[in-house]
C-alpha atoms as a PDB file:
ATOM      1  CA  MET A   1     121.229 -86.291 146.250  1.00  0.00           C
ATOM      2  CA  ARG A   2     120.252 -83.874 149.022  1.00  0.00           C
ATOM      3  CA  GLY A   3     122.457 -81.214 147.416  1.00  0.00           C
ATOM      4  CA  GLY A   4     120.529 -81.571 144.150  1.00  0.00           C
ATOM      5  CA  VAL A   5     117.227 -81.004 145.948  1.00  0.00           C
ATOM      6  CA  TRP A   6     118.653 -77.929 147.707  1.00  0.00           C
ATOM      7  CA  ILE A   7     119.982 -76.488 144.434  1.00  0.00           C
ATOM      8  CA  ARG A   8     116.639 -77.124 142.706  1.00  0.00           C
ATOM      9  CA  SER A   9     114.813 -75.388 145.593  1.00  0.00           C
ATOM     10  CA  VAL A  10     117.129 -72.368 145.394  1.00  0.00           C
ATOM     11  CA  LEU A  11     116.729 -72.121 141.597  1.00  0.00           C
ATOM     12  CA  LEU A  12     112.949 -72.430 141.895  1.00  0.00           C
ATOM     13  CA  GLY A  13     112.962 -69.666 144.524  1.00  0.00           C
ATOM     14  CA  VAL A  14     115.048 -67.416 142.276  1.00  0.00           C
ATOM     15  CA  ALA A  15     112.754 -68.109 139.301  1.00  0.00           C
ATOM     16  CA  THR A  16     109.678 -67.373 141.405  1.00  0.00           C
ATOM     17  CA  ALA A  17     111.225 -64.129 142.679  1.00  0.00           C
ATOM     18  CA  ALA A  18     112.118 -63.117 139.119  1.00  0.00           C
ATOM     19  CA  CYS A  19     108.549 -63.734 137.965  1.00  0.00           C
ATOM     20  CA  THR A  20     107.232 -61.763 140.930  1.00  0.00           C
ATOM     21  CA  ALA A  21     109.537 -58.867 140.066  1.00  0.00           C
ATOM     22  CA  CYS A  22     108.117 -58.717 136.540  1.00  0.00           C
ATOM     23  CA  GLY A  23     104.748 -57.340 137.533  1.00  0.00           C
ATOM     24  CA  SER A  24     103.106 -59.554 140.128  1.00  0.00           C
ATOM     25  CA  THR A  25     101.699 -57.610 143.050  1.00  0.00           C
ATOM     26  CA  GLY A  26     101.526 -60.428 145.564  1.00  0.00           C
ATOM     27  CA  PRO A  27     101.323 -64.128 146.187  1.00  0.00           C
ATOM     28  CA  SER A  28      97.648 -64.385 145.231  1.00  0.00           C
ATOM     29  CA  ASP A  29      98.358 -63.214 141.677  1.00  0.00           C
ATOM     30  CA  GLY A  30      99.494 -66.659 140.478  1.00  0.00           C
ATOM     31  CA  PRO A  31      97.061 -69.159 139.028  1.00  0.00           C
ATOM     32  CA  TRP A  32      97.197 -71.148 142.263  1.00  0.00           C
ATOM     33  CA  GLY A  33      98.019 -68.560 144.879  1.00  0.00           C
ATOM     34  CA  GLY A  34     101.539 -67.832 143.680  1.00  0.00           C
ATOM     35  CA  ARG A  35     103.039 -71.134 144.838  1.00  0.00           C
ATOM     36  CA  ALA A  36     105.488 -72.905 142.523  1.00  0.00           C
ATOM     37  CA  GLU A  37     103.550 -76.177 142.897  1.00  0.00           C
ATOM     38  CA  SER A  38     100.064 -76.977 144.089  1.00  0.00           C
ATOM     39  CA  THR A  39      97.469 -79.725 143.819  1.00  0.00           C
ATOM     40  CA  VAL A  40      93.879 -78.632 143.284  1.00  0.00           C
ATOM     41  CA  ALA A  41      90.561 -80.479 143.067  1.00  0.00           C
ATOM     42  CA  LEU A  42      88.044 -79.163 140.541  1.00  0.00           C
ATOM     43  CA  ARG A  43      84.477 -80.139 139.704  1.00  0.00           C
ATOM     44  CA  ILE A  44      83.276 -79.924 136.105  1.00  0.00           C
ATOM     45  CA  GLY A  45      82.903 -76.262 135.167  1.00  0.00           C
ATOM     46  CA  GLN A  46      85.222 -74.950 137.895  1.00  0.00           C
ATOM     47  CA  GLU A  47      88.316 -72.880 137.133  1.00  0.00           C
ATOM     48  CA  ILE A  48      91.382 -72.186 139.254  1.00  0.00           C
ATOM     49  CA  GLY A  49      93.051 -68.821 138.833  1.00  0.00           C
ATOM     50  CA  ALA A  50      93.368 -66.132 141.455  1.00  0.00           C
ATOM     51  CA  ARG A  51      91.840 -62.726 140.856  1.00  0.00           C
ATOM     52  CA  GLY A  52      94.019 -60.887 138.375  1.00  0.00           C
ATOM     53  CA  SER A  53      96.002 -63.974 137.398  1.00  0.00           C
ATOM     54  CA  VAL A  54      97.336 -64.400 133.906  1.00  0.00           C
ATOM     55  CA  MET A  55      96.322 -68.043 133.550  1.00  0.00           C
ATOM     56  CA  GLY A  56      93.172 -70.000 134.363  1.00  0.00           C
ATOM     57  CA  VAL A  57      92.811 -73.794 134.375  1.00  0.00           C
ATOM     58  CA  SER A  58      89.358 -75.369 134.239  1.00  0.00           C
ATOM     59  CA  PHE A  59      87.888 -78.873 134.350  1.00  0.00           C
ATOM     60  CA  LEU A  60      85.723 -79.141 131.224  1.00  0.00           C
ATOM     61  CA  GLY A  61      84.517 -82.736 131.508  1.00  0.00           C
ATOM     62  CA  VAL A  62      85.129 -86.461 131.319  1.00  0.00           C
ATOM     63  CA  ARG A  63      85.178 -87.732 127.728  1.00  0.00           C
ATOM     64  CA  SER A  64      85.223 -91.389 128.730  1.00  0.00           C
ATOM     65  CA  ASP A  65      85.746 -93.475 131.857  1.00  0.00           C
ATOM     66  CA  SER A  66      86.725 -97.120 131.452  1.00  0.00           C
ATOM     67  CA  CYS A  67      88.473 -97.354 134.831  1.00  0.00           C
ATOM     68  CA  CYS A  68      88.139-100.659 136.619  1.00  0.00           C
ATOM     69  CA  PRO A  69      85.201-100.535 139.065  1.00  0.00           C
ATOM     70  CA  VAL A  70      86.151-100.980 142.720  1.00  0.00           C
ATOM     71  CA  ASN A  71      83.876-104.016 143.092  1.00  0.00           C
ATOM     72  CA  VAL A  72      85.310-105.906 140.099  1.00  0.00           C
ATOM     73  CA  VAL A  73      88.608-107.704 139.427  1.00  0.00           C
ATOM     74  CA  CYS A  74      90.103-106.399 136.172  1.00  0.00           C
ATOM     75  CA  VAL A  75      93.085-107.353 134.035  1.00  0.00           C
ATOM     76  CA  TRP A  76      94.161-103.717 133.833  1.00  0.00           C
ATOM     77  CA  GLN A  77      93.316-100.490 135.622  1.00  0.00           C
ATOM     78  CA  GLY A  78      91.456 -98.930 132.700  1.00  0.00           C
ATOM     79  CA  ASP A  79      91.608 -95.296 131.675  1.00  0.00           C
ATOM     80  CA  ALA A  80      89.607 -92.118 131.915  1.00  0.00           C
ATOM     81  CA  GLU A  81      89.923 -89.218 129.458  1.00  0.00           C
ATOM     82  CA  VAL A  82      89.639 -85.876 131.197  1.00  0.00           C
ATOM     83  CA  GLU A  83      89.304 -82.605 129.293  1.00  0.00           C
ATOM     84  CA  ILE A  84      90.797 -79.492 130.850  1.00  0.00           C
ATOM     85  CA  GLY A  85      90.905 -75.964 129.514  1.00  0.00           C
ATOM     86  CA  VAL A  86      93.671 -73.369 129.800  1.00  0.00           C
ATOM     87  CA  ARG A  87      93.038 -69.686 129.320  1.00  0.00           C
ATOM     88  CA  PHE A  88      95.529 -66.804 129.321  1.00  0.00           C
ATOM     89  CA  GLY A  89      94.140 -63.398 130.200  1.00  0.00           C
ATOM     90  CA  MET A  90      90.914 -62.692 128.323  1.00  0.00           C
ATOM     91  CA  GLY A  91      91.873 -65.104 125.524  1.00  0.00           C
ATOM     92  CA  PRO A  92      90.005 -68.227 124.487  1.00  0.00           C
ATOM     93  CA  THR A  93      90.029 -71.421 126.526  1.00  0.00           C
ATOM     94  CA  VAL A  94      92.222 -74.022 124.825  1.00  0.00           C
ATOM     95  CA  PRO A  95      91.203 -77.632 125.527  1.00  0.00           C
ATOM     96  CA  TYR A  96      93.652 -80.435 126.410  1.00  0.00           C
ATOM     97  CA  VAL A  97      92.896 -84.114 127.029  1.00  0.00           C
ATOM     98  CA  LEU A  98      94.709 -85.907 129.847  1.00  0.00           C
ATOM     99  CA  HIS A  99      94.441 -89.557 130.868  1.00  0.00           C
ATOM    100  CA  THR A 100      94.505 -91.475 134.143  1.00  0.00           C
ATOM    101  CA  GLY A 101      95.904 -94.769 132.830  1.00  0.00           C
ATOM    102  CA  VAL A 102      97.829 -94.042 129.618  1.00  0.00           C
ATOM    103  CA  ALA A 103      99.850 -91.141 128.256  1.00  0.00           C
ATOM    104  CA  PRO A 104      99.482 -88.226 128.156  1.00  0.00           C
ATOM    105  CA  TRP A 105      98.711 -87.538 131.807  1.00  0.00           C
ATOM    106  CA  TYR A 106     100.418 -84.129 131.758  1.00  0.00           C
ATOM    107  CA  VAL A 107     100.780 -81.180 129.404  1.00  0.00           C
ATOM    108  CA  TYR A 108     103.213 -78.261 129.230  1.00  0.00           C
ATOM    109  CA  VAL A 109     101.574 -74.883 128.685  1.00  0.00           C
ATOM    110  CA  GLY A 110     103.983 -71.963 128.651  1.00  0.00           C
ATOM    111  CA  LEU A 111     106.057 -72.098 131.836  1.00  0.00           C
ATOM    112  CA  TYR A 112     103.675 -74.543 133.503  1.00  0.00           C
ATOM    113  CA  ARG A 113     103.176 -78.306 133.674  1.00  0.00           C
ATOM    114  CA  ILE A 114      99.639 -79.496 134.425  1.00  0.00           C
ATOM    115  CA  THR A 115      99.375 -83.134 135.550  1.00  0.00           C
ATOM    116  CA  LEU A 116      96.218 -85.177 136.067  1.00  0.00           C
ATOM    117  CA  VAL A 117      96.846 -86.811 139.459  1.00  0.00           C
ATOM    118  CA  GLY A 118      93.489 -88.537 139.820  1.00  0.00           C
ATOM    119  CA  LEU A 119      89.795 -88.628 139.095  1.00  0.00           C
ATOM    120  CA  ARG A 120      87.110 -89.243 141.719  1.00  0.00           C
ATOM    121  CA  PRO A 121      84.864 -90.983 142.488  1.00  0.00           C
ATOM    122  CA  ALA A 122      86.071 -94.468 141.638  1.00  0.00           C
ATOM    123  CA  PRO A 123      83.519 -96.289 139.491  1.00  0.00           C
ATOM    124  CA  VAL A 124      81.224 -98.993 140.874  1.00  0.00           C
ATOM    125  CA  SER A 125      79.873-101.539 138.393  1.00  0.00           C
ATOM    126  CA  THR A 126      76.279-101.227 139.598  1.00  0.00           C
ATOM    127  CA  SER A 127      75.831 -97.466 139.293  1.00  0.00           C
ATOM    128  CA  PRO A 128      76.884 -94.884 136.693  1.00  0.00           C
ATOM    129  CA  ILE A 129      78.666 -91.741 137.831  1.00  0.00           C
ATOM    130  CA  PRO A 130      76.709 -88.540 137.126  1.00  0.00           C
ATOM    131  CA  PRO A 131      78.899 -85.882 135.472  1.00  0.00           C
ATOM    132  CA  GLU A 132      78.436 -83.420 138.334  1.00  0.00           C
ATOM    133  CA  ALA A 133      79.957 -85.939 140.777  1.00  0.00           C
ATOM    134  CA  TYR A 134      83.370 -86.045 139.068  1.00  0.00           C
ATOM    135  CA  VAL A 135      86.328 -84.291 140.691  1.00  0.00           C
ATOM    136  CA  ALA A 136      89.652 -83.971 138.856  1.00  0.00           C
ATOM    137  CA  GLU A 137      92.823 -83.629 140.901  1.00  0.00           C
ATOM    138  CA  LEU A 138      95.414 -81.580 139.031  1.00  0.00           C
ATOM    139  CA  ARG A 139      98.988 -80.743 140.016  1.00  0.00           C
ATOM    140  CA  LEU A 140     100.032 -77.330 138.713  1.00  0.00           C
ATOM    141  CA  GLU A 141     103.754 -76.635 138.572  1.00  0.00           C
ATOM    142  CA  LEU A 142     105.846 -73.674 137.468  1.00  0.00           C
ATOM    143  CA  VAL A 143     108.657 -75.356 135.552  1.00  0.00           C
ATOM    144  CA  GLY A 144     110.089 -72.386 133.655  1.00  0.00           C
ATOM    145  CA  ARG A 145     111.421 -74.397 130.731  1.00  0.00           C
END
């Protein structure tokens, strides 16, 4: 199994180098600093994408949040619908809906996979969460399908 991880790491390094050779001018040109994988936390309205990057990912909002409150015992974990936006260059932002408890929790966009890892804060039954308090954790991966 360790050999498979090593081979995958080498192939990912080669793919990253090939992408860099095709016009990138440095590690900060990628949508998340040029790394092949990164986890980011975004508030509603924020976008990740380094200066000059080709792709931007933004957190547009929470459509619904039926996650089980931390102070309640539930039969299932619930689900939150999170809307993200993906923009290439100066093009339009294309919305995608990801979920915390049911599929889909990830989306493929071009050579990238964007996964909703979590949504904070956890709900409490006695107080609603204001929209500006939400933080979406997204894992951004170069998968080069």
